[in-house]
Amino acid sequence: MAAHAVLGLIHGGVAYVPWGDDEFINWLRAAKQLYLARWDFLPHIQFSLPSYPQAWPTLLALPSIMLGRFSEDMASVLPFALHVAFLGVLFDFAGALSNRRTAWVLVLFGLTVEITWKLLPLNLMSEQPQIYAVAAVFVLCLWAELGKPCQRRSLLLAAGMVTAHAYLIKSAALLLVPALMVVVGWPLVVGWRQWRCRMGTVATEALLALGPFTVVWFAWSRLAGDGDHCATSLDNYLSASGVRHLLADTSALSAYVRASLEYYASYKVPLSVATGLGLAFGLAATVTRKVTVATLVYALLYHVVLFWSYQTCPDSFNFFLSSLQRYILVPLRVLHVLGLILLFHALLPRVPFPSRRFGTVLVAAAALLAAGQVWFLHRGLVEIRQRINGGEFAAIGQAIKASEEPLRRVVASWNGRPRVLQMARFAYAYPLYPTYHYLMNADGRTLPFAYCLATGEGEVVRLDALVPNDCVGTTLEQELAATDIVWPLSLSPPMIDKLRPWLDQGCPMDLSGQLLVRRGDAFTCGPP
């Protein structure tokens, strides 16, 4: 956190450029609307699925309190803070079982090989906080097994509270429930002959580990109700029609398994090999076996349920194998965390160094790894500010944000509510989402102008609008005739050809960064 603060000052502050429609549609839009509504969950707030747990956009809105306005820059600090919190749990766990120097090496080495991806997350998607929470649950469970007996119940309660937190971020955390049942119910399996003697302890630990989640799940199910979308209803997943669809195409399972294995075979293979070795050690040792089995149960169920979701709940955003790599990285990274911990736990007692020399080696390794993380943190701050790898998504978003203030000035001076035609050389209507996010009114519902978007890369130009009737024409020429302000972000040659006859003679050849304002039958050009 200290390095983040210092580097942020060096960079002139933390700046975050969102990119990709998922960030705007599912997370930032609702977060900004919640902030503007002061966390009153009003009907107009556009959660992607209203009955889905809403903790992540709610959390993204909270840091903006310190600025008094909604800030994507402040929101970007939250996943970093959650990552540091998880690393703190990992450090305390390693320190309790060994010493602080070993703990530093474990944490910094894990960061170097990216067991939980980069120290500074580069996006605001929900997968990263999900990884931190799920991995923290298993680390706490392992700590309960390896730590002091007097700490066991408090650690299981902490695991239960993190499980509840994980569920409110993403409902996939439901799969932690059977994993925790393995952890607390293990004594009944291995010592089933004495089950009456052990039932009291198992029931108490089950209450601690599963109680917080049960309370949160019940409260949310009563507040949100059953959604009208299959992704938010267990009944829909288990419906007869869903099961029939699941069994309709037997080749889908092989395609799913093949795609998953192909990606796993290309992603951090040395780390996965080390993870496999660590999990093998974990299964071999009696004291770590139950948590290792629980982690494998979670990973297996995750893959099964993901396939079930693809087959029983297909739609425009959940079509077969869509976002597969992003989804299956969640259980893989959780396995990486547990595998690395188990490997360290198995190998450290076998290290043949004298204690003093080994301590010196640990200090040197920690210093080297820490210096590397400072450099990676610097590169991450540069990336989220400049989006060097963000491509046209980042460029469009930055162009919209750069034009926000001048466009607001023009609109404020207009007599009435002007019609704005935004033009972008883009394959689909992506600019709708950052435009609505950056320019929504203080009510969190509307824009200060009637907004029509024209997109296209070739001869065909498509018109789209967030509000019905904001596009009055069916062709670009008809829309230009009815428009008060033209807002060109980027233009294809056909767009330029259709726009040029409407411009006065003072307009430059390059219209990027211009706001074209109607004066009579033509549009005048000027800097934004």
Protein backbone atom coordinates (compact mmCIF):
# COMPACT_ATOMS: atom_id res chain seq x y z
CA MET A 1 0.00 0.00 0.00
CA ALA A 2 2.87 2.36 0.81
CA ALA A 3 4.53 1.69 -2.55
CA HIS A 4 1.19 2.32 -4.29
CA ALA A 5 0.82 5.66 -2.52
CA VAL A 6 4.38 6.79 -3.28
CA LEU A 7 4.24 5.72 -6.91
CA GLY A 8 0.83 7.36 -7.23
CA LEU A 9 2.33 10.66 -6.10
CA ILE A 10 5.21 10.23 -8.53
CA HIS A 11 2.73 9.67 -11.36
CA GLY A 12 0.72 12.72 -10.33
CA GLY A 13 -2.10 10.62 -8.88
CA VAL A 14 -3.76 7.36 -9.79
CA ALA A 15 -5.63 7.55 -13.09
CA TYR A 16 -7.81 4.73 -14.37
CA VAL A 17 -9.11 4.45 -17.94
CA PRO A 18 -11.96 1.90 -18.14
CA TRP A 19 -12.27 -0.13 -21.29
CA GLY A 20 -14.52 -2.86 -22.59
CA ASP A 21 -18.31 -2.82 -22.48
CA ASP A 22 -18.45 -5.29 -19.58
CA GLU A 23 -16.83 -2.80 -17.20
CA PHE A 24 -19.38 -0.13 -18.07
CA ILE A 25 -22.52 -2.26 -18.44
CA ASN A 26 -22.14 -4.56 -15.45
CA TRP A 27 -20.13 -2.61 -12.91
CA LEU A 28 -19.33 1.10 -13.41
CA ARG A 29 -22.74 2.21 -14.64
CA ALA A 30 -24.55 0.79 -11.61
CA ALA A 31 -21.77 2.00 -9.28
CA LYS A 32 -22.13 5.59 -10.50
CA GLN A 33 -25.93 5.45 -10.32
CA LEU A 34 -25.71 4.13 -6.75
CA TYR A 35 -23.35 6.92 -5.80
CA LEU A 36 -25.64 9.56 -7.31
CA ALA A 37 -28.60 7.98 -5.48
CA ARG A 38 -26.58 7.88 -2.23
CA TRP A 39 -26.90 4.08 -2.10
CA ASP A 40 -30.66 4.13 -2.27
CA PHE A 41 -31.44 1.12 -4.48
CA LEU A 42 -33.91 2.93 -6.71
CA PRO A 43 -35.71 1.21 -9.61
CA HIS A 44 -33.81 3.12 -12.30
CA ILE A 45 -30.40 1.75 -11.26
CA GLN A 46 -29.38 -0.53 -14.10
CA PHE A 47 -27.91 -3.67 -12.60
CA SER A 48 -27.26 -6.16 -15.38
CA LEU A 49 -29.41 -8.71 -13.48
CA PRO A 50 -31.43 -7.01 -10.71
CA SER A 51 -31.84 -10.14 -8.57
CA TYR A 52 -28.12 -10.99 -8.76
CA PRO A 53 -25.95 -10.11 -5.71
CA GLN A 54 -24.97 -6.45 -6.03
CA ALA A 55 -22.04 -6.04 -3.65
CA TRP A 56 -19.38 -5.40 -6.29
CA PRO A 57 -20.86 -2.26 -7.92
CA THR A 58 -21.84 -1.07 -4.43
CA LEU A 59 -18.26 -1.45 -3.21
CA LEU A 60 -16.89 0.27 -6.33
CA ALA A 61 -18.98 3.33 -5.48
CA LEU A 62 -17.77 3.66 -1.88
CA PRO A 63 -14.23 5.11 -2.38
CA SER A 64 -15.72 8.10 -4.24
CA ILE A 65 -17.09 9.40 -0.93
CA MET A 66 -13.64 10.81 -0.20
CA LEU A 67 -13.75 13.00 -3.34
CA GLY A 68 -17.38 14.07 -3.17
CA ARG A 69 -17.95 12.95 -6.76
CA PHE A 70 -17.91 9.63 -8.54
CA SER A 71 -14.41 8.72 -9.66
CA GLU A 72 -13.27 5.75 -11.73
CA ASP A 73 -9.78 6.47 -10.38
CA MET A 74 -10.94 5.93 -6.80
CA ALA A 75 -12.91 2.82 -7.78
CA SER A 76 -9.74 1.30 -9.25
CA VAL A 77 -8.08 1.39 -5.82
CA LEU A 78 -10.63 -1.05 -4.38
CA PRO A 79 -9.51 -4.29 -6.12
CA PHE A 80 -5.91 -3.40 -5.25
CA ALA A 81 -6.88 -2.95 -1.59
CA LEU A 82 -8.71 -6.30 -1.59
CA HIS A 83 -5.66 -7.94 -3.14
CA VAL A 84 -3.44 -6.49 -0.41
CA ALA A 85 -5.94 -7.69 2.22
CA PHE A 86 -5.71 -11.23 0.87
CA LEU A 87 -1.93 -11.04 0.82
CA GLY A 88 -2.12 -9.91 4.46
CA VAL A 89 -4.07 -13.08 5.32
CA LEU A 90 -1.47 -15.16 3.46
CA PHE A 91 1.39 -13.36 5.25
CA ASP A 92 -0.17 -13.85 8.69
CA PHE A 93 -0.78 -17.52 7.94
CA ALA A 94 2.80 -18.13 6.81
CA GLY A 95 4.18 -16.08 9.69
CA ALA A 96 2.15 -18.04 12.27
CA LEU A 97 3.49 -21.34 10.95
CA SER A 98 7.08 -20.28 10.29
CA ASN A 99 8.56 -16.78 10.67
CA ARG A 100 8.16 -13.33 9.16
CA ARG A 101 11.09 -13.70 6.75
CA THR A 102 9.68 -16.90 5.31
CA ALA A 103 6.26 -15.25 5.10
CA TRP A 104 7.68 -12.34 3.10
CA VAL A 105 9.36 -14.71 0.66
CA LEU A 106 6.19 -16.76 0.21
CA VAL A 107 4.03 -13.71 -0.46
CA LEU A 108 6.51 -11.96 -2.75
CA PHE A 109 7.35 -15.14 -4.65
CA GLY A 110 3.64 -15.81 -5.11
CA LEU A 111 3.22 -12.31 -6.52
CA THR A 112 6.19 -12.77 -8.83
CA VAL A 113 4.74 -15.92 -10.38
CA GLU A 114 1.27 -14.29 -10.34
CA ILE A 115 -0.68 -16.89 -8.37
CA THR A 116 -3.41 -14.24 -8.01
CA TRP A 117 -2.41 -12.29 -11.15
CA LYS A 118 -0.81 -8.87 -10.87
CA LEU A 119 -0.42 -6.92 -7.63
CA LEU A 120 -2.34 -4.04 -9.24
CA PRO A 121 -5.41 -5.44 -11.05
CA LEU A 122 -5.80 -3.90 -14.50
CA ASN A 123 -9.60 -4.07 -14.67
CA LEU A 124 -12.67 -3.79 -12.46
CA MET A 125 -14.23 -7.13 -13.34
CA SER A 126 -15.63 -9.29 -10.56
CA GLU A 127 -13.32 -12.27 -11.13
CA GLN A 128 -10.37 -10.81 -9.20
CA PRO A 129 -12.21 -10.12 -5.92
CA GLN A 130 -13.82 -13.53 -6.32
CA ILE A 131 -10.36 -15.15 -6.52
CA TYR A 132 -9.11 -13.25 -3.46
CA ALA A 133 -12.15 -14.23 -1.38
CA VAL A 134 -12.26 -17.91 -2.38
CA ALA A 135 -8.51 -18.34 -1.93
CA ALA A 136 -8.72 -16.61 1.47
CA VAL A 137 -11.41 -19.09 2.59
CA PHE A 138 -9.15 -22.06 1.86
CA VAL A 139 -6.10 -20.37 3.39
CA LEU A 140 -8.10 -19.75 6.58
CA CYS A 141 -9.28 -23.38 6.59
CA LEU A 142 -5.71 -24.60 6.16
CA TRP A 143 -4.62 -22.27 8.96
CA ALA A 144 -7.32 -23.77 11.17
CA GLU A 145 -5.82 -27.23 10.53
CA LEU A 146 -2.16 -26.29 10.94
CA GLY A 147 -2.37 -23.53 13.54
CA LYS A 148 -3.01 -23.51 17.26
CA PRO A 149 -6.09 -25.46 18.41
CA CYS A 150 -7.33 -22.43 20.36
CA GLN A 151 -7.56 -20.45 17.09
CA ARG A 152 -9.47 -23.05 15.11
CA ARG A 153 -12.99 -21.84 15.72
CA SER A 154 -12.19 -18.17 15.19
CA LEU A 155 -10.48 -19.06 11.91
CA LEU A 156 -13.48 -21.10 10.75
CA LEU A 157 -15.76 -18.18 11.63
CA ALA A 158 -13.51 -15.87 9.59
CA ALA A 159 -13.73 -18.33 6.68
CA GLY A 160 -17.52 -18.26 6.98
CA MET A 161 -17.63 -14.46 6.92
CA VAL A 162 -15.39 -14.31 3.86
CA THR A 163 -17.67 -16.88 2.18
CA ALA A 164 -20.65 -14.59 2.76
CA HIS A 165 -18.66 -11.68 1.33
CA ALA A 166 -17.71 -13.76 -1.71
CA TYR A 167 -21.34 -14.71 -2.35
CA LEU A 168 -22.47 -11.09 -2.40
CA ILE A 169 -19.79 -10.34 -4.99
CA LYS A 170 -20.68 -13.30 -7.20
CA SER A 171 -23.14 -16.11 -6.62
CA ALA A 172 -20.60 -18.68 -7.81
CA ALA A 173 -19.36 -18.60 -4.21
CA LEU A 174 -22.27 -20.94 -3.46
CA LEU A 175 -19.81 -23.66 -4.45
CA LEU A 176 -17.81 -22.91 -1.32
CA VAL A 177 -20.63 -24.43 0.74
CA PRO A 178 -19.95 -28.08 -0.22
CA ALA A 179 -16.21 -27.42 0.13
CA LEU A 180 -16.69 -26.11 3.68
CA MET A 181 -18.92 -29.07 4.42
CA VAL A 182 -15.99 -31.31 3.51
CA VAL A 183 -13.73 -29.38 5.90
CA VAL A 184 -16.05 -29.47 8.91
CA GLY A 185 -17.60 -32.88 8.18
CA TRP A 186 -14.35 -34.72 7.56
CA PRO A 187 -14.21 -36.24 11.08
CA LEU A 188 -17.56 -37.95 10.45
CA VAL A 189 -16.14 -39.56 7.30
CA VAL A 190 -12.81 -40.80 8.64
CA GLY A 191 -14.16 -41.67 12.10
CA TRP A 192 -17.69 -42.71 11.27
CA ARG A 193 -17.72 -45.33 14.04
CA GLN A 194 -17.52 -42.54 16.64
CA TRP A 195 -19.92 -40.21 14.87
CA ARG A 196 -22.05 -39.66 18.00
CA CYS A 197 -19.02 -38.41 19.92
CA ARG A 198 -17.96 -36.11 17.12
CA MET A 199 -21.34 -34.74 16.08
CA GLY A 200 -21.33 -31.91 18.63
CA THR A 201 -17.97 -30.57 17.49
CA VAL A 202 -18.91 -30.93 13.82
CA ALA A 203 -22.23 -29.11 14.35
CA THR A 204 -20.52 -26.24 16.17
CA GLU A 205 -17.89 -25.85 13.45
CA ALA A 206 -20.53 -26.08 10.73
CA LEU A 207 -22.46 -23.26 12.41
CA LEU A 208 -19.33 -21.10 12.48
CA ALA A 209 -18.24 -21.86 8.91
CA LEU A 210 -21.66 -21.86 7.22
CA GLY A 211 -23.74 -19.64 9.52
CA PRO A 212 -22.67 -16.23 8.11
CA PHE A 213 -23.29 -17.37 4.55
CA THR A 214 -26.67 -18.84 5.46
CA VAL A 215 -27.80 -15.56 7.03
CA VAL A 216 -26.64 -13.51 4.05
CA TRP A 217 -28.10 -15.91 1.51
CA PHE A 218 -31.47 -15.97 3.25
CA ALA A 219 -31.56 -12.18 3.65
CA TRP A 220 -30.65 -11.54 0.02
CA SER A 221 -33.11 -14.13 -1.31
CA ARG A 222 -35.88 -12.40 0.63
CA LEU A 223 -34.84 -8.93 -0.56
CA ALA A 224 -34.20 -9.74 -4.21
CA GLY A 225 -36.66 -12.55 -4.77
CA ASP A 226 -36.41 -14.98 -7.64
CA GLY A 227 -35.22 -13.27 -10.78
CA ASP A 228 -36.86 -13.53 -14.17
CA HIS A 229 -33.57 -14.64 -15.72
CA CYS A 230 -32.30 -18.20 -15.61
CA ALA A 231 -28.89 -17.04 -14.34
CA THR A 232 -30.46 -15.87 -11.06
CA SER A 233 -32.71 -18.82 -10.30
CA LEU A 234 -31.64 -22.26 -9.15
CA ASP A 235 -35.09 -23.55 -10.11
CA ASN A 236 -34.44 -22.60 -13.73
CA TYR A 237 -31.13 -24.45 -13.75
CA LEU A 238 -32.88 -27.57 -12.44
CA SER A 239 -35.99 -27.28 -14.59
CA ALA A 240 -37.02 -30.12 -16.86
CA SER A 241 -36.54 -27.94 -19.96
CA GLY A 242 -33.06 -26.98 -18.79
CA VAL A 243 -32.05 -30.57 -18.27
CA ARG A 244 -33.43 -31.54 -21.69
CA HIS A 245 -31.33 -28.80 -23.26
CA LEU A 246 -28.32 -30.03 -21.29
CA LEU A 247 -28.69 -33.52 -22.77
CA ALA A 248 -29.62 -32.43 -26.28
CA ASP A 249 -26.06 -32.13 -27.57
CA THR A 250 -23.70 -34.75 -26.20
CA SER A 251 -20.76 -33.30 -28.14
CA ALA A 252 -20.91 -30.09 -26.09
CA LEU A 253 -19.26 -31.69 -23.06
CA SER A 254 -16.27 -32.88 -25.05
CA ALA A 255 -15.94 -29.45 -26.66
CA TYR A 256 -16.07 -27.82 -23.22
CA VAL A 257 -13.47 -30.16 -21.73
CA ARG A 258 -11.20 -29.80 -24.75
CA ALA A 259 -11.36 -25.99 -24.72
CA SER A 260 -10.65 -25.89 -20.98
CA LEU A 261 -7.70 -28.28 -21.17
CA GLU A 262 -6.23 -26.47 -24.17
CA TYR A 263 -6.23 -23.20 -22.25
CA TYR A 264 -4.85 -24.74 -19.08
CA ALA A 265 -2.09 -26.35 -21.14
CA SER A 266 -1.02 -22.91 -22.37
CA TYR A 267 -1.36 -20.88 -19.16
CA LYS A 268 1.58 -20.77 -16.70
CA VAL A 269 2.43 -24.45 -17.17
CA PRO A 270 5.45 -24.46 -14.77
CA LEU A 271 3.28 -22.94 -12.03
CA SER A 272 0.56 -25.50 -12.70
CA VAL A 273 3.11 -28.33 -12.49
CA ALA A 274 4.36 -26.96 -9.15
CA THR A 275 0.72 -26.68 -8.05
CA GLY A 276 0.10 -30.31 -8.91
CA LEU A 277 3.12 -31.32 -6.87
CA GLY A 278 1.94 -29.22 -3.91
CA LEU A 279 -1.55 -30.72 -4.08
CA ALA A 280 -0.01 -34.20 -4.14
CA PHE A 281 1.91 -33.38 -0.95
CA GLY A 282 -1.31 -32.01 0.51
CA LEU A 283 -3.20 -35.21 -0.20
CA ALA A 284 -0.38 -37.36 1.18
CA ALA A 285 -0.19 -35.57 4.54
CA THR A 286 -3.01 -36.35 6.97
CA VAL A 287 -3.10 -32.84 8.44
CA THR A 288 -3.60 -31.11 5.08
CA ARG A 289 -5.66 -33.75 3.30
CA LYS A 290 -9.14 -32.48 4.13
CA VAL A 291 -8.48 -28.90 2.93
CA THR A 292 -6.78 -30.20 -0.22
CA VAL A 293 -9.79 -32.41 -0.97
CA ALA A 294 -12.15 -29.50 -0.25
CA THR A 295 -10.26 -27.27 -2.70
CA LEU A 296 -10.39 -29.94 -5.40
CA VAL A 297 -14.12 -30.42 -4.76
CA TYR A 298 -14.65 -26.68 -5.25
CA ALA A 299 -12.65 -26.65 -8.50
CA LEU A 300 -14.47 -29.70 -9.87
CA LEU A 301 -17.91 -28.36 -8.99
CA TYR A 302 -17.02 -24.99 -10.52
CA HIS A 303 -16.29 -26.61 -13.87
CA VAL A 304 -19.40 -28.79 -13.72
CA VAL A 305 -21.69 -25.90 -12.86
CA LEU A 306 -20.10 -23.64 -15.49
CA PHE A 307 -20.83 -26.24 -18.17
CA TRP A 308 -24.35 -26.66 -16.79
CA SER A 309 -24.82 -22.90 -16.99
CA TYR A 310 -23.71 -22.78 -20.62
CA GLN A 311 -26.14 -25.53 -21.53
CA THR A 312 -29.21 -24.65 -19.47
CA CYS A 313 -29.01 -20.85 -19.52
CA PRO A 314 -27.87 -19.82 -23.00
CA ASP A 315 -28.41 -16.19 -24.00
CA SER A 316 -26.66 -13.28 -25.67
CA PHE A 317 -24.04 -12.88 -22.92
CA ASN A 318 -23.76 -16.53 -21.86
CA PHE A 319 -23.58 -18.34 -25.19
CA PHE A 320 -21.60 -21.56 -25.27
CA LEU A 321 -17.93 -21.09 -24.27
CA SER A 322 -18.27 -17.29 -24.08
CA SER A 323 -15.68 -15.77 -21.71
CA LEU A 324 -14.54 -19.32 -20.92
CA GLN A 325 -10.91 -18.40 -20.26
CA ARG A 326 -11.90 -15.62 -17.87
CA TYR A 327 -14.23 -17.89 -15.95
CA ILE A 328 -11.99 -20.95 -15.61
CA LEU A 329 -9.05 -18.88 -14.37
CA VAL A 330 -10.92 -18.47 -11.07
CA PRO A 331 -10.56 -22.11 -9.88
CA LEU A 332 -7.13 -22.41 -11.49
CA ARG A 333 -5.73 -19.45 -9.57
CA VAL A 334 -7.28 -20.72 -6.35
CA LEU A 335 -5.51 -24.03 -6.97
CA HIS A 336 -2.27 -22.13 -7.68
CA VAL A 337 -2.52 -20.41 -4.29
CA LEU A 338 -3.20 -23.59 -2.33
CA GLY A 339 -0.71 -25.64 -4.34
CA LEU A 340 2.11 -23.17 -3.73
CA ILE A 341 1.33 -22.99 0.01
CA LEU A 342 1.25 -26.77 0.31
CA LEU A 343 4.51 -27.05 -1.62
CA PHE A 344 6.22 -24.56 0.70
CA HIS A 345 4.79 -26.35 3.73
CA ALA A 346 6.14 -29.69 2.51
CA LEU A 347 9.57 -28.55 1.35
CA LEU A 348 10.68 -25.96 3.91
CA PRO A 349 11.38 -28.51 6.68
CA ARG A 350 13.58 -30.38 4.22
CA VAL A 351 15.81 -27.39 3.35
CA PRO A 352 19.36 -28.36 4.46
CA PHE A 353 20.65 -24.80 5.17
CA PRO A 354 21.93 -23.80 8.61
CA SER A 355 19.44 -21.44 10.23
CA ARG A 356 21.61 -18.28 10.12
CA ARG A 357 22.67 -18.73 6.50
CA PHE A 358 19.14 -19.61 5.51
CA GLY A 359 17.88 -16.46 7.23
CA THR A 360 20.30 -14.34 5.20
CA VAL A 361 19.17 -16.02 2.00
CA LEU A 362 15.54 -15.31 2.87
CA VAL A 363 16.22 -11.62 3.55
CA ALA A 364 18.11 -11.24 0.25
CA ALA A 365 15.37 -13.05 -1.67
CA ALA A 366 12.66 -10.93 -0.08
CA ALA A 367 14.50 -7.70 -0.92
CA LEU A 368 14.98 -8.76 -4.55
CA LEU A 369 11.39 -9.86 -4.96
CA ALA A 370 10.10 -6.66 -3.32
CA ALA A 371 12.12 -4.51 -5.72
CA GLY A 372 10.62 -6.45 -8.62
CA GLN A 373 7.10 -5.84 -7.33
CA VAL A 374 7.71 -2.11 -7.04
CA TRP A 375 8.70 -2.09 -10.71
CA PHE A 376 5.64 -4.15 -11.73
CA LEU A 377 3.43 -1.83 -9.70
CA HIS A 378 4.90 1.15 -11.57
CA ARG A 379 4.19 -0.54 -14.91
CA GLY A 380 0.64 -1.31 -13.78
CA LEU A 381 -0.03 2.33 -12.90
CA VAL A 382 1.23 3.34 -16.34
CA GLU A 383 -0.98 0.74 -18.04
CA ILE A 384 -4.25 1.70 -16.32
CA ARG A 385 -3.52 5.36 -17.09
CA GLN A 386 -2.45 5.02 -20.73
CA ARG A 387 -4.03 1.70 -21.76
CA ILE A 388 -1.15 0.92 -24.08
CA ASN A 389 -2.75 -2.46 -24.79
CA GLY A 390 -6.33 -1.19 -24.63
CA GLY A 391 -6.74 -0.69 -28.35
CA GLU A 392 -9.75 1.02 -29.86
CA PHE A 393 -11.90 0.46 -26.75
CA ALA A 394 -9.65 2.63 -24.62
CA ALA A 395 -9.23 5.20 -27.40
CA ILE A 396 -12.99 5.62 -27.78
CA GLY A 397 -13.49 5.92 -24.03
CA GLN A 398 -10.75 8.52 -23.67
CA ALA A 399 -12.12 10.52 -26.61
CA ILE A 400 -15.57 10.57 -25.00
CA LYS A 401 -14.21 11.63 -21.62
CA ALA A 402 -12.06 14.36 -23.23
CA SER A 403 -15.13 15.82 -24.93
CA GLU A 404 -17.36 15.66 -21.85
CA GLU A 405 -16.80 19.18 -20.50
CA PRO A 406 -16.91 21.09 -23.82
CA LEU A 407 -20.03 19.18 -24.85
CA ARG A 408 -21.70 20.01 -21.54
CA ARG A 409 -20.90 23.71 -22.10
CA VAL A 410 -22.45 23.67 -25.56
CA VAL A 411 -25.53 21.78 -24.33
CA ALA A 412 -25.96 24.15 -21.35
CA SER A 413 -26.04 27.16 -23.69
CA TRP A 414 -28.61 25.54 -26.00
CA ASN A 415 -32.19 26.70 -26.03
CA GLY A 416 -34.01 23.48 -25.16
CA ARG A 417 -32.73 19.90 -25.29
CA PRO A 418 -30.50 19.46 -28.33
CA ARG A 419 -30.20 16.38 -30.50
CA VAL A 420 -26.66 14.97 -30.56
CA LEU A 421 -25.42 12.58 -33.23
CA GLN A 422 -22.26 10.77 -32.19
CA MET A 423 -20.25 9.12 -34.99
CA ALA A 424 -17.66 6.40 -34.46
CA ARG A 425 -15.76 4.03 -36.68
CA PHE A 426 -16.58 0.94 -34.68
CA ALA A 427 -17.92 -2.53 -35.43
CA TYR A 428 -20.82 -2.29 -32.97
CA ALA A 429 -22.51 0.19 -30.63
CA TYR A 430 -19.86 0.11 -27.89
CA PRO A 431 -19.65 3.95 -27.54
CA LEU A 432 -23.19 3.95 -26.10
CA TYR A 433 -21.94 2.63 -22.79
CA PRO A 434 -19.06 5.00 -21.95
CA THR A 435 -21.13 7.93 -23.25
CA TYR A 436 -24.02 7.16 -20.93
CA HIS A 437 -21.62 6.56 -18.04
CA TYR A 438 -19.66 9.80 -18.37
CA LEU A 439 -22.51 12.13 -19.35
CA MET A 440 -25.49 10.93 -17.32
CA ASN A 441 -27.32 13.66 -15.42
CA ALA A 442 -27.20 13.98 -11.64
CA ASP A 443 -30.45 11.99 -11.44
CA GLY A 444 -28.54 8.94 -12.71
CA ARG A 445 -31.23 8.27 -15.30
CA THR A 446 -31.06 10.59 -18.27
CA LEU A 447 -28.64 12.38 -20.55
CA PRO A 448 -28.76 16.16 -21.03
CA PHE A 449 -29.47 15.69 -24.74
CA ALA A 450 -31.25 13.34 -27.15
CA TYR A 451 -28.52 10.90 -28.12
CA CYS A 452 -28.15 8.92 -31.34
CA LEU A 453 -25.06 6.89 -32.27
CA ALA A 454 -23.87 6.09 -35.79
CA THR A 455 -21.32 3.28 -36.11
CA GLY A 456 -19.80 1.37 -38.98
CA GLU A 457 -16.52 0.47 -40.62
CA GLY A 458 -17.66 0.20 -44.23
CA GLU A 459 -20.50 1.39 -46.41
CA VAL A 460 -23.19 0.29 -43.95
CA VAL A 461 -23.79 2.76 -41.12
CA ARG A 462 -25.91 1.62 -38.19
CA LEU A 463 -27.97 3.89 -35.93
CA ASP A 464 -28.49 3.01 -32.26
CA ALA A 465 -29.98 4.79 -29.26
CA LEU A 466 -30.33 4.16 -25.54
CA VAL A 467 -33.80 5.74 -25.51
CA PRO A 468 -36.43 4.89 -28.14
CA ASN A 469 -37.01 7.69 -30.67
CA ASP A 470 -33.70 9.44 -29.92
CA CYS A 471 -32.75 8.42 -33.46
CA VAL A 472 -35.44 9.95 -35.67
CA GLY A 473 -34.16 8.71 -39.02
CA THR A 474 -33.36 5.34 -40.53
CA THR A 475 -30.33 6.55 -42.50
CA LEU A 476 -27.35 8.71 -41.63
CA GLU A 477 -28.51 11.42 -44.03
CA GLN A 478 -31.92 11.62 -42.34
CA GLU A 479 -30.32 11.78 -38.91
CA LEU A 480 -27.94 14.57 -39.98
CA ALA A 481 -30.92 16.58 -41.19
CA ALA A 482 -32.51 16.40 -37.72
CA THR A 483 -29.37 16.80 -35.62
CA ASP A 484 -28.28 19.91 -33.70
CA ILE A 485 -24.76 18.78 -32.74
CA VAL A 486 -22.53 16.24 -34.47
CA TRP A 487 -19.92 14.60 -32.26
CA PRO A 488 -17.35 12.74 -34.39
CA LEU A 489 -15.10 10.42 -32.38
CA SER A 490 -13.59 8.63 -35.35
CA LEU A 491 -14.87 8.47 -38.91
CA SER A 492 -14.76 5.89 -41.66
CA PRO A 493 -14.37 7.16 -45.26
CA PRO A 494 -18.08 6.57 -46.05
CA MET A 495 -19.03 8.57 -42.94
CA ILE A 496 -16.76 11.43 -44.03
CA ASP A 497 -18.28 11.42 -47.50
CA LYS A 498 -21.81 11.66 -46.08
CA LEU A 499 -20.92 14.28 -43.49
CA ARG A 500 -18.77 16.60 -45.63
CA PRO A 501 -21.68 18.20 -47.61
CA TRP A 502 -23.21 19.37 -44.32
CA LEU A 503 -20.11 21.26 -43.16
CA ASP A 504 -19.29 24.91 -43.73
CA GLN A 505 -16.17 25.87 -45.62
CA GLY A 506 -14.09 26.56 -42.50
CA CYS A 507 -14.03 22.94 -41.31
CA PRO A 508 -10.66 21.13 -41.43
CA MET A 509 -10.03 17.83 -43.14
CA ASP A 510 -9.46 16.07 -39.79
CA LEU A 511 -12.63 16.31 -37.72
CA SER A 512 -11.29 14.42 -34.69
CA GLY A 513 -11.83 16.34 -31.47
CA GLN A 514 -14.40 18.64 -33.06
CA LEU A 515 -17.93 19.47 -31.97
CA LEU A 516 -19.98 20.40 -35.04
CA VAL A 517 -22.79 22.79 -34.14
CA ARG A 518 -25.69 23.52 -36.48
CA ARG A 519 -25.95 27.04 -37.83
CA GLY A 520 -28.81 27.14 -40.29
CA ASP A 521 -28.44 24.34 -42.83
CA ALA A 522 -24.77 23.63 -42.08
CA PHE A 523 -22.54 22.64 -39.17
CA THR A 524 -19.79 24.95 -38.01
CA CYS A 525 -16.54 23.49 -36.69
CA GLY A 526 -14.49 24.47 -33.72
CA PRO A 527 -12.27 23.03 -31.05
CA PRO A 528 -14.02 21.30 -28.16
